[in-house]
Amino acid sequence: MSDAAPLPPQQDEGERNRPYPLFIERIILLLVLLGVGGAVYLLALNLPVPPWLTVVVVVPLAYVVWATLAERLGGIVQLRHRDA
């Protein structure tokens, strides 16, 4: 039993609870998403490729960004629900 791994350090209150409301984080993530979308749009305007090819390339990228943001927001909501 002495070879067992030690317990991980416990999180304190500051690490678990965000110093700002969830609404502000959603606004920040929305602005990041709009920025990524705008950058891809501007890049597509400058590339000599047909529009359908741009859509084929951008849809998987948009899905990955959307899924990442949704997972991030979902994790924060779960933490807030658990702490309440």
PDB file of N, CA and C in Angstrom:
ATOM      1  N   MET A   1       0.802  -1.205   0.000  1.00  0.00           N
ATOM      2  CA  MET A   1       0.000   0.000   0.000  1.00  0.00           C
ATOM      3  C   MET A   1       0.843   1.266   0.000  1.00  0.00           C
ATOM      4  N   SER A   2       2.091   1.164   0.360  1.00  0.00           N
ATOM      5  CA  SER A   2       2.919   2.362   0.425  1.00  0.00           C
ATOM      6  C   SER A   2       3.299   2.866  -0.966  1.00  0.00           C
ATOM      7  N   ASP A   3       3.091   2.048  -2.008  1.00  0.00           N
ATOM      8  CA  ASP A   3       3.429   2.457  -3.374  1.00  0.00           C
ATOM      9  C   ASP A   3       2.300   3.207  -4.061  1.00  0.00           C
ATOM     10  N   ALA A   4       1.211   3.422  -3.375  1.00  0.00           N
ATOM     11  CA  ALA A   4       0.074   4.115  -3.981  1.00  0.00           C
ATOM     12  C   ALA A   4       0.434   5.579  -4.246  1.00  0.00           C
ATOM     13  N   ALA A   5      -0.121   6.104  -5.311  1.00  0.00           N
ATOM     14  CA  ALA A   5       0.129   7.506  -5.668  1.00  0.00           C
ATOM     15  C   ALA A   5      -0.535   8.425  -4.648  1.00  0.00           C
ATOM     16  N   PRO A   6       0.108   9.534  -4.347  1.00  0.00           N
ATOM     17  CA  PRO A   6      -0.521  10.475  -3.400  1.00  0.00           C
ATOM     18  C   PRO A   6      -1.742  11.136  -4.028  1.00  0.00           C
ATOM     19  N   LEU A   7      -2.594  11.644  -3.195  1.00  0.00           N
ATOM     20  CA  LEU A   7      -3.788  12.333  -3.681  1.00  0.00           C
ATOM     21  C   LEU A   7      -3.387  13.628  -4.384  1.00  0.00           C
ATOM     22  N   PRO A   8      -4.112  14.004  -5.432  1.00  0.00           N
ATOM     23  CA  PRO A   8      -3.796  15.271  -6.092  1.00  0.00           C
ATOM     24  C   PRO A   8      -4.114  16.440  -5.163  1.00  0.00           C
ATOM     25  N   PRO A   9      -3.446  17.561  -5.365  1.00  0.00           N
ATOM     26  CA  PRO A   9      -3.742  18.716  -4.506  1.00  0.00           C
ATOM     27  C   PRO A   9      -5.179  19.178  -4.692  1.00  0.00           C
ATOM     28  N   GLN A  10      -5.799  19.581  -3.628  1.00  0.00           N
ATOM     29  CA  GLN A  10      -7.184  20.034  -3.684  1.00  0.00           C
ATOM     30  C   GLN A  10      -7.256  21.442  -4.282  1.00  0.00           C
ATOM     31  N   GLN A  11      -8.310  21.679  -5.046  1.00  0.00           N
ATOM     32  CA  GLN A  11      -8.502  23.009  -5.617  1.00  0.00           C
ATOM     33  C   GLN A  11      -9.037  23.947  -4.545  1.00  0.00           C
ATOM     34  N   ASP A  12      -8.507  25.139  -4.540  1.00  0.00           N
ATOM     35  CA  ASP A  12      -9.071  26.103  -3.604  1.00  0.00           C
ATOM     36  C   ASP A  12     -10.232  26.838  -4.276  1.00  0.00           C
ATOM     37  N   GLU A  13     -10.888  27.657  -3.529  1.00  0.00           N
ATOM     38  CA  GLU A  13     -12.098  28.342  -4.007  1.00  0.00           C
ATOM     39  C   GLU A  13     -11.814  29.235  -5.217  1.00  0.00           C
ATOM     40  N   GLY A  14     -10.642  29.848  -5.286  1.00  0.00           N
ATOM     41  CA  GLY A  14     -10.313  30.749  -6.386  1.00  0.00           C
ATOM     42  C   GLY A  14     -10.132  30.030  -7.708  1.00  0.00           C
ATOM     43  N   GLU A  15      -9.651  28.795  -7.689  1.00  0.00           N
ATOM     44  CA  GLU A  15      -9.456  28.043  -8.924  1.00  0.00           C
ATOM     45  C   GLU A  15     -10.771  27.497  -9.465  1.00  0.00           C
ATOM     46  N   ARG A  16     -11.679  27.188  -8.590  1.00  0.00           N
ATOM     47  CA  ARG A  16     -12.912  26.543  -9.005  1.00  0.00           C
ATOM     48  C   ARG A  16     -13.942  27.544  -9.508  1.00  0.00           C
ATOM     49  N   ASN A  17     -14.047  28.681  -8.882  1.00  0.00           N
ATOM     50  CA  ASN A  17     -15.051  29.675  -9.257  1.00  0.00           C
ATOM     51  C   ASN A  17     -14.417  30.789 -10.067  1.00  0.00           C
ATOM     52  N   ARG A  18     -15.057  31.132 -11.146  1.00  0.00           N
ATOM     53  CA  ARG A  18     -14.544  32.180 -12.020  1.00  0.00           C
ATOM     54  C   ARG A  18     -14.724  33.548 -11.369  1.00  0.00           C
ATOM     55  N   PRO A  19     -13.771  34.473 -11.580  1.00  0.00           N
ATOM     56  CA  PRO A  19     -13.918  35.810 -11.010  1.00  0.00           C
ATOM     57  C   PRO A  19     -14.879  36.694 -11.801  1.00  0.00           C
ATOM     58  N   TYR A  20     -15.420  36.197 -12.910  1.00  0.00           N
ATOM     59  CA  TYR A  20     -16.357  36.973 -13.717  1.00  0.00           C
ATOM     60  C   TYR A  20     -17.540  36.084 -14.070  1.00  0.00           C
ATOM     61  N   PRO A  21     -18.675  36.672 -14.391  1.00  0.00           N
ATOM     62  CA  PRO A  21     -19.875  35.872 -14.678  1.00  0.00           C
ATOM     63  C   PRO A  21     -19.754  35.080 -15.983  1.00  0.00           C
ATOM     64  N   LEU A  22     -20.554  34.058 -16.087  1.00  0.00           N
ATOM     65  CA  LEU A  22     -20.570  33.210 -17.278  1.00  0.00           C
ATOM     66  C   LEU A  22     -20.984  34.007 -18.511  1.00  0.00           C
ATOM     67  N   PHE A  23     -21.832  35.004 -18.354  1.00  0.00           N
ATOM     68  CA  PHE A  23     -22.294  35.810 -19.486  1.00  0.00           C
ATOM     69  C   PHE A  23     -21.123  36.487 -20.183  1.00  0.00           C
ATOM     70  N   ILE A  24     -20.178  37.005 -19.417  1.00  0.00           N
ATOM     71  CA  ILE A  24     -19.021  37.678 -20.011  1.00  0.00           C
ATOM     72  C   ILE A  24     -18.169  36.680 -20.786  1.00  0.00           C
ATOM     73  N   GLU A  25     -18.024  35.484 -20.260  1.00  0.00           N
ATOM     74  CA  GLU A  25     -17.241  34.471 -20.974  1.00  0.00           C
ATOM     75  C   GLU A  25     -17.914  34.108 -22.296  1.00  0.00           C
ATOM     76  N   ARG A  26     -19.228  34.025 -22.298  1.00  0.00           N
ATOM     77  CA  ARG A  26     -19.922  33.737 -23.561  1.00  0.00           C
ATOM     78  C   ARG A  26     -19.694  34.837 -24.581  1.00  0.00           C
ATOM     79  N   ILE A  27     -19.691  36.075 -24.141  1.00  0.00           N
ATOM     80  CA  ILE A  27     -19.433  37.203 -25.044  1.00  0.00           C
ATOM     81  C   ILE A  27     -18.015  37.111 -25.600  1.00  0.00           C
ATOM     82  N   ILE A  28     -17.052  36.807 -24.741  1.00  0.00           N
ATOM     83  CA  ILE A  28     -15.662  36.680 -25.185  1.00  0.00           C
ATOM     84  C   ILE A  28     -15.525  35.567 -26.212  1.00  0.00           C
ATOM     85  N   LEU A  29     -16.135  34.412 -25.941  1.00  0.00           N
ATOM     86  CA  LEU A  29     -16.039  33.291 -26.879  1.00  0.00           C
ATOM     87  C   LEU A  29     -16.756  33.596 -28.187  1.00  0.00           C
ATOM     88  N   LEU A  30     -17.860  34.336 -28.133  1.00  0.00           N
ATOM     89  CA  LEU A  30     -18.546  34.734 -29.359  1.00  0.00           C
ATOM     90  C   LEU A  30     -17.663  35.652 -30.191  1.00  0.00           C
ATOM     91  N   LEU A  31     -16.987  36.587 -29.556  1.00  0.00           N
ATOM     92  CA  LEU A  31     -16.088  37.488 -30.284  1.00  0.00           C
ATOM     93  C   LEU A  31     -14.920  36.714 -30.902  1.00  0.00           C
ATOM     94  N   VAL A  32     -14.411  35.722 -30.187  1.00  0.00           N
ATOM     95  CA  VAL A  32     -13.341  34.885 -30.745  1.00  0.00           C
ATOM     96  C   VAL A  32     -13.856  34.126 -31.964  1.00  0.00           C
ATOM     97  N   LEU A  33     -15.055  33.572 -31.859  1.00  0.00           N
ATOM     98  CA  LEU A  33     -15.643  32.843 -32.983  1.00  0.00           C
ATOM     99  C   LEU A  33     -15.861  33.755 -34.184  1.00  0.00           C
ATOM    100  N   LEU A  34     -16.359  34.970 -33.950  1.00  0.00           N
ATOM    101  CA  LEU A  34     -16.543  35.924 -35.040  1.00  0.00           C
ATOM    102  C   LEU A  34     -15.202  36.324 -35.648  1.00  0.00           C
ATOM    103  N   GLY A  35     -14.193  36.456 -34.824  1.00  0.00           N
ATOM    104  CA  GLY A  35     -12.865  36.793 -35.331  1.00  0.00           C
ATOM    105  C   GLY A  35     -12.291  35.696 -36.208  1.00  0.00           C
ATOM    106  N   VAL A  36     -12.449  34.444 -35.791  1.00  0.00           N
ATOM    107  CA  VAL A  36     -11.974  33.324 -36.598  1.00  0.00           C
ATOM    108  C   VAL A  36     -12.757  33.255 -37.906  1.00  0.00           C
ATOM    109  N   GLY A  37     -14.077  33.422 -37.815  1.00  0.00           N
ATOM    110  CA  GLY A  37     -14.898  33.407 -39.030  1.00  0.00           C
ATOM    111  C   GLY A  37     -14.532  34.537 -39.979  1.00  0.00           C
ATOM    112  N   GLY A  38     -14.299  35.728 -39.435  1.00  0.00           N
ATOM    113  CA  GLY A  38     -13.901  36.861 -40.271  1.00  0.00           C
ATOM    114  C   GLY A  38     -12.554  36.642 -40.931  1.00  0.00           C
ATOM    115  N   ALA A  39     -11.614  36.058 -40.198  1.00  0.00           N
ATOM    116  CA  ALA A  39     -10.291  35.778 -40.774  1.00  0.00           C
ATOM    117  C   ALA A  39     -10.387  34.764 -41.905  1.00  0.00           C
ATOM    118  N   VAL A  40     -11.211  33.723 -41.712  1.00  0.00           N
ATOM    119  CA  VAL A  40     -11.390  32.726 -42.769  1.00  0.00           C
ATOM    120  C   VAL A  40     -12.075  33.355 -43.980  1.00  0.00           C
ATOM    121  N   TYR A  41     -13.060  34.219 -43.740  1.00  0.00           N
ATOM    122  CA  TYR A  41     -13.761  34.892 -44.842  1.00  0.00           C
ATOM    123  C   TYR A  41     -12.795  35.768 -45.642  1.00  0.00           C
ATOM    124  N   LEU A  42     -11.979  36.548 -44.958  1.00  0.00           N
ATOM    125  CA  LEU A  42     -11.025  37.411 -45.654  1.00  0.00           C
ATOM    126  C   LEU A  42      -9.984  36.591 -46.411  1.00  0.00           C
ATOM    127  N   LEU A  43      -9.581  35.477 -45.835  1.00  0.00           N
ATOM    128  CA  LEU A  43      -8.646  34.599 -46.528  1.00  0.00           C
ATOM    129  C   LEU A  43      -9.290  34.016 -47.779  1.00  0.00           C
ATOM    130  N   ALA A  44     -10.554  33.630 -47.671  1.00  0.00           N
ATOM    131  CA  ALA A  44     -11.257  33.046 -48.817  1.00  0.00           C
ATOM    132  C   ALA A  44     -11.426  34.063 -49.950  1.00  0.00           C
ATOM    133  N   LEU A  45     -11.571  35.334 -49.594  1.00  0.00           N
ATOM    134  CA  LEU A  45     -11.688  36.361 -50.634  1.00  0.00           C
ATOM    135  C   LEU A  45     -10.398  36.501 -51.440  1.00  0.00           C
ATOM    136  N   ASN A  46      -9.277  36.247 -50.789  1.00  0.00           N
ATOM    137  CA  ASN A  46      -7.992  36.435 -51.453  1.00  0.00           C
ATOM    138  C   ASN A  46      -7.470  35.182 -52.142  1.00  0.00           C
ATOM    139  N   LEU A  47      -8.095  34.043 -51.891  1.00  0.00           N
ATOM    140  CA  LEU A  47      -7.633  32.813 -52.526  1.00  0.00           C
ATOM    141  C   LEU A  47      -8.330  32.616 -53.874  1.00  0.00           C
ATOM    142  N   PRO A  48      -7.596  32.157 -54.865  1.00  0.00           N
ATOM    143  CA  PRO A  48      -8.211  31.912 -56.182  1.00  0.00           C
ATOM    144  C   PRO A  48      -8.861  30.524 -56.263  1.00  0.00           C
ATOM    145  N   VAL A  49      -9.829  30.268 -55.403  1.00  0.00           N
ATOM    146  CA  VAL A  49     -10.525  28.975 -55.396  1.00  0.00           C
ATOM    147  C   VAL A  49     -12.023  29.224 -55.502  1.00  0.00           C
ATOM    148  N   PRO A  50     -12.760  28.261 -56.014  1.00  0.00           N
ATOM    149  CA  PRO A  50     -14.220  28.432 -56.118  1.00  0.00           C
ATOM    150  C   PRO A  50     -14.870  28.457 -54.724  1.00  0.00           C
ATOM    151  N   PRO A  51     -16.024  29.107 -54.617  1.00  0.00           N
ATOM    152  CA  PRO A  51     -16.700  29.208 -53.309  1.00  0.00           C
ATOM    153  C   PRO A  51     -17.033  27.861 -52.675  1.00  0.00           C
ATOM    154  N   TRP A  52     -17.413  26.862 -53.473  1.00  0.00           N
ATOM    155  CA  TRP A  52     -17.778  25.576 -52.892  1.00  0.00           C
ATOM    156  C   TRP A  52     -16.591  24.921 -52.191  1.00  0.00           C
ATOM    157  N   LEU A  53     -15.388  25.143 -52.718  1.00  0.00           N
ATOM    158  CA  LEU A  53     -14.207  24.575 -52.084  1.00  0.00           C
ATOM    159  C   LEU A  53     -13.934  25.255 -50.740  1.00  0.00           C
ATOM    160  N   THR A  54     -14.183  26.543 -50.687  1.00  0.00           N
ATOM    161  CA  THR A  54     -14.030  27.265 -49.415  1.00  0.00           C
ATOM    162  C   THR A  54     -14.995  26.704 -48.381  1.00  0.00           C
ATOM    163  N   VAL A  55     -16.221  26.435 -48.779  1.00  0.00           N
ATOM    164  CA  VAL A  55     -17.214  25.862 -47.851  1.00  0.00           C
ATOM    165  C   VAL A  55     -16.777  24.487 -47.375  1.00  0.00           C
ATOM    166  N   VAL A  56     -16.257  23.667 -48.286  1.00  0.00           N
ATOM    167  CA  VAL A  56     -15.816  22.318 -47.915  1.00  0.00           C
ATOM    168  C   VAL A  56     -14.686  22.376 -46.890  1.00  0.00           C
ATOM    169  N   VAL A  57     -13.824  23.366 -47.019  1.00  0.00           N
ATOM    170  CA  VAL A  57     -12.702  23.487 -46.085  1.00  0.00           C
ATOM    171  C   VAL A  57     -13.139  24.115 -44.764  1.00  0.00           C
ATOM    172  N   VAL A  58     -14.049  25.085 -44.817  1.00  0.00           N
ATOM    173  CA  VAL A  58     -14.409  25.839 -43.627  1.00  0.00           C
ATOM    174  C   VAL A  58     -15.394  25.088 -42.728  1.00  0.00           C
ATOM    175  N   VAL A  59     -16.275  24.278 -43.270  1.00  0.00           N
ATOM    176  CA  VAL A  59     -17.276  23.589 -42.444  1.00  0.00           C
ATOM    177  C   VAL A  59     -16.630  22.692 -41.379  1.00  0.00           C
ATOM    178  N   PRO A  60     -15.642  21.855 -41.710  1.00  0.00           N
ATOM    179  CA  PRO A  60     -15.010  21.075 -40.625  1.00  0.00           C
ATOM    180  C   PRO A  60     -14.309  21.953 -39.593  1.00  0.00           C
ATOM    181  N   LEU A  61     -13.681  23.029 -40.055  1.00  0.00           N
ATOM    182  CA  LEU A  61     -13.029  23.942 -39.121  1.00  0.00           C
ATOM    183  C   LEU A  61     -14.054  24.599 -38.192  1.00  0.00           C
ATOM    184  N   ALA A  62     -15.167  25.029 -38.757  1.00  0.00           N
ATOM    185  CA  ALA A  62     -16.220  25.652 -37.945  1.00  0.00           C
ATOM    186  C   ALA A  62     -16.783  24.645 -36.935  1.00  0.00           C
ATOM    187  N   TYR A  63     -16.930  23.380 -37.341  1.00  0.00           N
ATOM    188  CA  TYR A  63     -17.439  22.371 -36.417  1.00  0.00           C
ATOM    189  C   TYR A  63     -16.481  22.166 -35.245  1.00  0.00           C
ATOM    190  N   VAL A  64     -15.191  22.114 -35.529  1.00  0.00           N
ATOM    191  CA  VAL A  64     -14.209  21.921 -34.462  1.00  0.00           C
ATOM    192  C   VAL A  64     -14.235  23.100 -33.487  1.00  0.00           C
ATOM    193  N   VAL A  65     -14.300  24.308 -34.020  1.00  0.00           N
ATOM    194  CA  VAL A  65     -14.361  25.489 -33.154  1.00  0.00           C
ATOM    195  C   VAL A  65     -15.639  25.475 -32.321  1.00  0.00           C
ATOM    196  N   TRP A  66     -16.770  25.168 -32.966  1.00  0.00           N
ATOM    197  CA  TRP A  66     -18.056  25.130 -32.258  1.00  0.00           C
ATOM    198  C   TRP A  66     -18.039  24.071 -31.156  1.00  0.00           C
ATOM    199  N   ALA A  67     -17.523  22.879 -31.469  1.00  0.00           N
ATOM    200  CA  ALA A  67     -17.497  21.800 -30.479  1.00  0.00           C
ATOM    201  C   ALA A  67     -16.583  22.147 -29.308  1.00  0.00           C
ATOM    202  N   THR A  68     -15.462  22.780 -29.604  1.00  0.00           N
ATOM    203  CA  THR A  68     -14.540  23.164 -28.533  1.00  0.00           C
ATOM    204  C   THR A  68     -15.173  24.198 -27.612  1.00  0.00           C
ATOM    205  N   LEU A  69     -15.809  25.192 -28.197  1.00  0.00           N
ATOM    206  CA  LEU A  69     -16.454  26.226 -27.391  1.00  0.00           C
ATOM    207  C   LEU A  69     -17.615  25.649 -26.584  1.00  0.00           C
ATOM    208  N   ALA A  70     -18.389  24.766 -27.204  1.00  0.00           N
ATOM    209  CA  ALA A  70     -19.519  24.164 -26.493  1.00  0.00           C
ATOM    210  C   ALA A  70     -19.033  23.317 -25.320  1.00  0.00           C
ATOM    211  N   GLU A  71     -17.945  22.592 -25.524  1.00  0.00           N
ATOM    212  CA  GLU A  71     -17.398  21.776 -24.436  1.00  0.00           C
ATOM    213  C   GLU A  71     -16.881  22.670 -23.314  1.00  0.00           C
ATOM    214  N   ARG A  72     -16.253  23.763 -23.670  1.00  0.00           N
ATOM    215  CA  ARG A  72     -15.731  24.706 -22.659  1.00  0.00           C
ATOM    216  C   ARG A  72     -16.874  25.307 -21.853  1.00  0.00           C
ATOM    217  N   LEU A  73     -17.918  25.767 -22.550  1.00  0.00           N
ATOM    218  CA  LEU A  73     -19.061  26.335 -21.838  1.00  0.00           C
ATOM    219  C   LEU A  73     -19.769  25.282 -21.007  1.00  0.00           C
ATOM    220  N   GLY A  74     -19.894  24.076 -21.542  1.00  0.00           N
ATOM    221  CA  GLY A  74     -20.544  22.999 -20.808  1.00  0.00           C
ATOM    222  C   GLY A  74     -19.809  22.659 -19.531  1.00  0.00           C
ATOM    223  N   GLY A  75     -18.479  22.664 -19.562  1.00  0.00           N
ATOM    224  CA  GLY A  75     -17.692  22.379 -18.368  1.00  0.00           C
ATOM    225  C   GLY A  75     -17.880  23.445 -17.310  1.00  0.00           C
ATOM    226  N   ILE A  76     -17.954  24.698 -17.719  1.00  0.00           N
ATOM    227  CA  ILE A  76     -18.140  25.787 -16.763  1.00  0.00           C
ATOM    228  C   ILE A  76     -19.524  25.706 -16.137  1.00  0.00           C
ATOM    229  N   VAL A  77     -20.528  25.404 -16.956  1.00  0.00           N
ATOM    230  CA  VAL A  77     -21.887  25.298 -16.430  1.00  0.00           C
ATOM    231  C   VAL A  77     -21.972  24.150 -15.434  1.00  0.00           C
ATOM    232  N   GLN A  78     -21.318  23.029 -15.723  1.00  0.00           N
ATOM    233  CA  GLN A  78     -21.332  21.905 -14.782  1.00  0.00           C
ATOM    234  C   GLN A  78     -20.670  22.277 -13.467  1.00  0.00           C
ATOM    235  N   LEU A  79     -19.555  22.998 -13.527  1.00  0.00           N
ATOM    236  CA  LEU A  79     -18.894  23.418 -12.293  1.00  0.00           C
ATOM    237  C   LEU A  79     -19.795  24.328 -11.476  1.00  0.00           C
ATOM    238  N   ARG A  80     -20.451  25.265 -12.126  1.00  0.00           N
ATOM    239  CA  ARG A  80     -21.319  26.187 -11.397  1.00  0.00           C
ATOM    240  C   ARG A  80     -22.509  25.438 -10.797  1.00  0.00           C
ATOM    241  N   HIS A  81     -23.032  24.455 -11.534  1.00  0.00           N
ATOM    242  CA  HIS A  81     -24.169  23.691 -11.026  1.00  0.00           C
ATOM    243  C   HIS A  81     -23.736  22.849  -9.816  1.00  0.00           C
ATOM    244  N   ARG A  82     -22.564  22.273  -9.887  1.00  0.00           N
ATOM    245  CA  ARG A  82     -22.070  21.440  -8.796  1.00  0.00           C
ATOM    246  C   ARG A  82     -21.797  22.261  -7.546  1.00  0.00           C
ATOM    247  N   ASP A  83     -21.281  23.482  -7.747  1.00  0.00           N
ATOM    248  CA  ASP A  83     -20.920  24.311  -6.600  1.00  0.00           C
ATOM    249  C   ASP A  83     -22.126  24.960  -5.943  1.00  0.00           C
ATOM    250  N   ALA A  84     -23.235  25.024  -6.630  1.00  0.00           N
ATOM    251  CA  ALA A  84     -24.413  25.714  -6.087  1.00  0.00           C
ATOM    252  C   ALA A  84     -25.059  24.924  -4.973  1.00  0.00           C
TER     253      ALA A  84
END
